[in-house]
Amino acid sequence: MSGIHRHIAVQETPFDAAAEERAVRAGNPKVGAVVTFLGLMRDLNEGDRVEAMTLEHYPGMTEKALSAIVDEACSRWRIEGARVVHRVGELRPEEPIVLVTVASRHRSEAFRACEFIIDWLKTRAPFWKKERTEHGERWVEARAADEAARARW
């Protein structure tokens, strides 16, 4: 995995998706494809309007889990770079929550690695979400669909 440009960040501050995409391929003429997933906060969940969401994590453990997920992707596909940025703290609808961007020589490997990383991140990374709705606050439960997406890998 040496030589692969990797970056993992868990942060409260907003990020620039275009800058992250440029960074994953910068200075590497072998890159022929970059695939990016950008996850945004929605204003609706389980039929209720969501005013805000607070994301919590376990510092150190979260970054280690994200790094292990990227390591696994690197072992499965020939990728040139991967960047994962995940927000924590309070977020509002339409704000970016997570970015996964993968660079490779060919598009198929970039697509598969990017999808793998986000599928595993949703179930393996220690994040906790609390939504604030018109009915009060509630913790967001894990979804069976997320587990099914991870299981196919």
Protein backbone atom coordinates (compact mmCIF):
# COMPACT_ATOMS: atom_id res chain seq x y z
CA MET A 1 0.00 0.00 0.00
CA SER A 2 2.99 2.27 -0.09
CA GLY A 3 2.85 4.78 -2.88
CA ILE A 4 -0.93 5.11 -2.66
CA HIS A 5 -2.02 8.65 -1.84
CA ARG A 6 -4.34 8.32 1.17
CA HIS A 7 -6.05 10.87 3.38
CA ILE A 8 -8.53 10.27 6.20
CA ALA A 9 -10.15 13.18 8.06
CA VAL A 10 -12.90 13.45 10.66
CA GLN A 11 -13.69 17.10 11.23
CA GLU A 12 -16.29 19.63 12.34
CA THR A 13 -15.40 22.13 9.64
CA PRO A 14 -16.91 22.05 6.15
CA PHE A 15 -14.80 20.64 3.32
CA ASP A 16 -14.34 21.55 -0.33
CA ALA A 17 -15.31 18.50 -2.40
CA ALA A 18 -13.63 19.83 -5.56
CA ALA A 19 -10.37 20.46 -3.71
CA GLU A 20 -10.46 16.94 -2.23
CA GLU A 21 -10.98 15.48 -5.70
CA ARG A 22 -8.05 17.46 -7.10
CA ALA A 23 -5.85 16.37 -4.19
CA VAL A 24 -6.47 12.63 -4.74
CA ARG A 25 -5.04 12.80 -8.25
CA ALA A 26 -2.54 15.66 -7.95
CA GLY A 27 0.89 14.92 -9.35
CA ASN A 28 0.03 11.41 -10.50
CA PRO A 29 -0.10 11.04 -14.30
CA LYS A 30 -1.07 7.35 -13.94
CA VAL A 31 -4.57 8.35 -12.83
CA GLY A 32 -7.14 7.80 -15.56
CA ALA A 33 -10.29 7.90 -13.43
CA VAL A 34 -11.58 9.59 -10.31
CA VAL A 35 -14.88 8.60 -8.72
CA THR A 36 -16.38 10.68 -5.93
CA PHE A 37 -19.31 10.06 -3.61
CA LEU A 38 -20.68 13.05 -1.71
CA GLY A 39 -23.25 12.35 1.00
CA LEU A 40 -25.53 15.21 2.03
CA MET A 41 -27.81 15.71 5.00
CA ARG A 42 -31.48 15.28 4.07
CA ASP A 43 -34.36 17.22 5.61
CA LEU A 44 -36.62 14.17 5.87
CA ASN A 45 -36.19 10.80 7.59
CA GLU A 46 -38.78 8.19 8.50
CA GLY A 47 -41.52 10.58 7.41
CA ASP A 48 -40.44 13.40 9.74
CA ARG A 49 -38.82 16.73 8.90
CA VAL A 50 -35.28 16.87 10.25
CA GLU A 51 -34.11 20.32 11.32
CA ALA A 52 -30.57 19.34 12.28
CA MET A 53 -28.42 16.32 13.01
CA THR A 54 -25.55 15.90 15.44
CA LEU A 55 -22.88 13.38 14.48
CA GLU A 56 -20.71 11.97 17.24
CA HIS A 57 -17.67 9.74 16.99
CA TYR A 58 -14.97 8.11 19.06
CA PRO A 59 -11.78 10.10 18.28
CA GLY A 60 -8.88 7.91 17.27
CA MET A 61 -11.03 4.81 16.91
CA THR A 62 -13.04 6.34 14.07
CA GLU A 63 -9.97 7.32 12.07
CA LYS A 64 -8.48 3.85 12.64
CA ALA A 65 -11.67 2.20 11.36
CA LEU A 66 -11.76 4.43 8.28
CA SER A 67 -8.09 3.71 7.58
CA ALA A 68 -8.74 -0.04 7.81
CA ILE A 69 -11.62 0.29 5.32
CA VAL A 70 -9.37 2.14 2.86
CA ASP A 71 -6.64 -0.49 3.41
CA GLU A 72 -9.15 -3.20 2.52
CA ALA A 73 -10.16 -1.35 -0.65
CA CYS A 74 -6.48 -0.98 -1.59
CA SER A 75 -5.97 -4.72 -1.16
CA ARG A 76 -8.94 -5.54 -3.43
CA TRP A 77 -8.44 -3.03 -6.26
CA ARG A 78 -5.50 -1.30 -7.90
CA ILE A 79 -6.09 2.26 -6.84
CA GLU A 80 -3.73 5.21 -6.92
CA GLY A 81 -5.36 7.23 -4.16
CA ALA A 82 -8.26 7.47 -1.75
CA ARG A 83 -9.58 10.30 0.39
CA VAL A 84 -12.30 10.04 3.03
CA VAL A 85 -13.60 13.12 4.81
CA HIS A 86 -16.42 12.82 7.35
CA ARG A 87 -18.04 15.64 9.26
CA VAL A 88 -19.01 15.52 12.92
CA GLY A 89 -20.87 18.01 15.08
CA GLU A 90 -24.11 19.71 14.16
CA LEU A 91 -25.20 19.67 10.53
CA ARG A 92 -28.16 21.16 8.71
CA PRO A 93 -30.06 19.92 5.64
CA GLU A 94 -28.12 20.21 2.36
CA GLU A 95 -24.73 20.30 4.13
CA PRO A 96 -22.16 17.71 3.04
CA ILE A 97 -21.62 14.95 5.59
CA VAL A 98 -19.17 12.59 3.91
CA LEU A 99 -16.91 12.48 0.89
CA VAL A 100 -15.19 9.44 -0.57
CA THR A 101 -13.00 9.99 -3.60
CA VAL A 102 -10.93 7.30 -5.28
CA ALA A 103 -8.37 7.60 -8.07
CA SER A 104 -7.23 4.69 -10.21
CA ARG A 105 -5.86 3.97 -13.64
CA HIS A 106 -9.23 2.68 -14.88
CA ARG A 107 -12.82 3.64 -14.11
CA SER A 108 -14.09 0.21 -13.09
CA GLU A 109 -11.66 -0.06 -10.19
CA ALA A 110 -12.39 3.50 -9.06
CA PHE A 111 -16.16 2.88 -9.11
CA ARG A 112 -15.94 -0.41 -7.21
CA ALA A 113 -13.48 0.86 -4.60
CA CYS A 114 -15.51 4.02 -3.98
CA GLU A 115 -18.76 2.08 -3.55
CA PHE A 116 -17.04 -0.46 -1.31
CA ILE A 117 -15.61 2.26 0.95
CA ILE A 118 -18.94 4.03 1.45
CA ASP A 119 -20.83 0.74 1.97
CA TRP A 120 -18.38 -0.37 4.64
CA LEU A 121 -18.14 3.09 6.20
CA LYS A 122 -21.91 3.12 6.79
CA THR A 123 -21.73 -0.05 8.91
CA ARG A 124 -18.17 -0.33 10.24
CA ALA A 125 -17.15 3.20 11.20
CA PRO A 126 -18.13 4.28 14.75
CA PHE A 127 -20.40 7.26 14.13
CA TRP A 128 -23.61 8.01 16.02
CA LYS A 129 -26.34 10.26 14.62
CA LYS A 130 -28.94 12.14 16.60
CA GLU A 131 -31.67 13.93 14.65
CA ARG A 132 -33.62 16.94 15.83
CA THR A 133 -37.18 16.82 14.46
CA GLU A 134 -40.39 18.67 15.18
CA HIS A 135 -41.18 15.79 17.59
CA GLY A 136 -37.91 16.07 19.52
CA GLU A 137 -34.53 14.35 19.34
CA ARG A 138 -33.91 10.73 18.42
CA TRP A 139 -30.94 8.50 17.71
CA VAL A 140 -30.76 7.12 14.16
CA GLU A 141 -30.79 3.33 14.09
CA ALA A 142 -28.70 1.21 11.72
CA ARG A 143 -30.53 0.31 8.53
CA ALA A 144 -30.91 -3.22 7.21
CA ALA A 145 -30.29 -1.86 3.70
CA ASP A 146 -26.85 -0.60 4.75
CA GLU A 147 -25.94 -4.02 6.18
CA ALA A 148 -27.14 -5.70 2.97
CA ALA A 149 -25.01 -3.33 0.87
CA ARG A 150 -21.92 -4.14 2.97
CA ALA A 151 -22.61 -7.88 2.93
CA ARG A 152 -22.46 -8.12 -0.86
CA TRP A 153 -18.73 -7.32 -0.77
